[in-house]
Amino acid sequence: MPIIPLELLAAGERARIVEIDGDSAFVNRLNEMGLSEDAEIKMIQSGTPCIIALNNHRLSFRGEEAGMIFVETD
């Protein structure tokens, strides 16, 4: 299964988080929101901002943030 940056997912695609790069504050903030390795997500809206579904929550990422989150597609 290919590993790609989150920003390359198309709307409706599902994936699993495999890695989050960036400074520790960014990684910790995402972990606190439940976005960590092995989390299952679905792309709701691709582009900038991109919006993902994580459980019953929606998260939005702008600019380079989505390029620092790597996912494995089905």
Protein backbone atom coordinates (compact mmCIF):
# COMPACT_ATOMS: atom_id res chain seq x y z
CA MET A 1 0.00 0.00 0.00
CA PRO A 2 1.43 3.37 -0.98
CA ILE A 3 2.37 5.96 1.63
CA ILE A 4 1.53 9.51 0.54
CA PRO A 5 1.14 12.97 2.10
CA LEU A 6 -2.37 13.67 3.35
CA GLU A 7 -2.70 16.51 0.84
CA LEU A 8 -2.71 14.00 -2.05
CA LEU A 9 -5.83 12.13 -0.89
CA ALA A 10 -8.93 12.70 -3.00
CA ALA A 11 -12.30 13.54 -1.47
CA GLY A 12 -13.97 10.36 -0.23
CA GLU A 13 -10.73 8.37 0.12
CA ARG A 14 -9.98 6.58 3.37
CA ALA A 15 -6.50 6.12 4.80
CA ARG A 16 -4.51 5.29 7.93
CA ILE A 17 -2.01 7.70 9.50
CA VAL A 18 1.51 6.25 9.40
CA GLU A 19 3.66 9.26 10.36
CA ILE A 20 3.39 12.90 11.40
CA ASP A 21 6.44 15.10 10.80
CA GLY A 22 7.05 18.57 12.16
CA ASP A 23 8.06 20.13 15.41
CA SER A 24 7.04 18.48 18.66
CA ALA A 25 4.38 21.12 19.43
CA PHE A 26 2.60 20.38 16.12
CA VAL A 27 2.80 16.61 16.58
CA ASN A 28 1.63 16.84 20.21
CA ARG A 29 -1.29 19.11 19.27
CA LEU A 30 -2.47 16.60 16.66
CA ASN A 31 -2.04 13.70 19.08
CA GLU A 32 -4.19 15.51 21.64
CA MET A 33 -6.93 15.81 19.00
CA GLY A 34 -6.74 12.06 18.36
CA LEU A 35 -4.73 12.24 15.14
CA SER A 36 -1.88 9.82 15.72
CA GLU A 37 -0.29 6.82 14.06
CA ASP A 38 -2.81 4.12 13.06
CA ALA A 39 -5.76 6.54 13.21
CA GLU A 40 -8.27 5.91 10.41
CA ILE A 41 -9.34 9.03 8.53
CA LYS A 42 -11.50 9.98 5.55
CA MET A 43 -10.85 12.94 3.28
CA ILE A 44 -13.96 15.12 3.17
CA GLN A 45 -12.57 18.02 1.12
CA SER A 46 -9.21 18.02 -0.62
CA GLY A 47 -7.30 21.18 -1.45
CA THR A 48 -6.63 24.14 0.81
CA PRO A 49 -7.97 23.88 3.33
CA CYS A 50 -8.37 20.15 3.35
CA ILE A 51 -10.94 18.71 5.73
CA ILE A 52 -10.75 15.20 7.14
CA ALA A 53 -13.10 13.11 9.24
CA LEU A 54 -11.63 11.47 12.34
CA ASN A 55 -14.24 9.50 14.26
CA ASN A 56 -17.09 12.01 14.75
CA HIS A 57 -14.86 15.06 14.34
CA ARG A 58 -13.79 17.21 11.40
CA LEU A 59 -10.27 18.62 11.24
CA SER A 60 -9.02 21.24 8.80
CA PHE A 61 -5.44 21.69 7.58
CA ARG A 62 -4.00 24.55 5.57
CA GLY A 63 -0.83 24.91 3.56
CA GLU A 64 2.13 22.76 4.44
CA GLU A 65 0.45 21.12 7.48
CA ALA A 66 -1.23 18.53 5.25
CA GLY A 67 2.15 17.75 3.66
CA MET A 68 3.62 16.76 7.03
CA ILE A 69 1.03 14.05 7.69
CA PHE A 70 1.68 10.78 5.87
CA VAL A 71 -1.02 8.20 5.25
CA GLU A 72 -1.35 4.70 3.86
CA THR A 73 -4.24 4.20 1.47
CA ASP A 74 -6.43 1.11 1.23
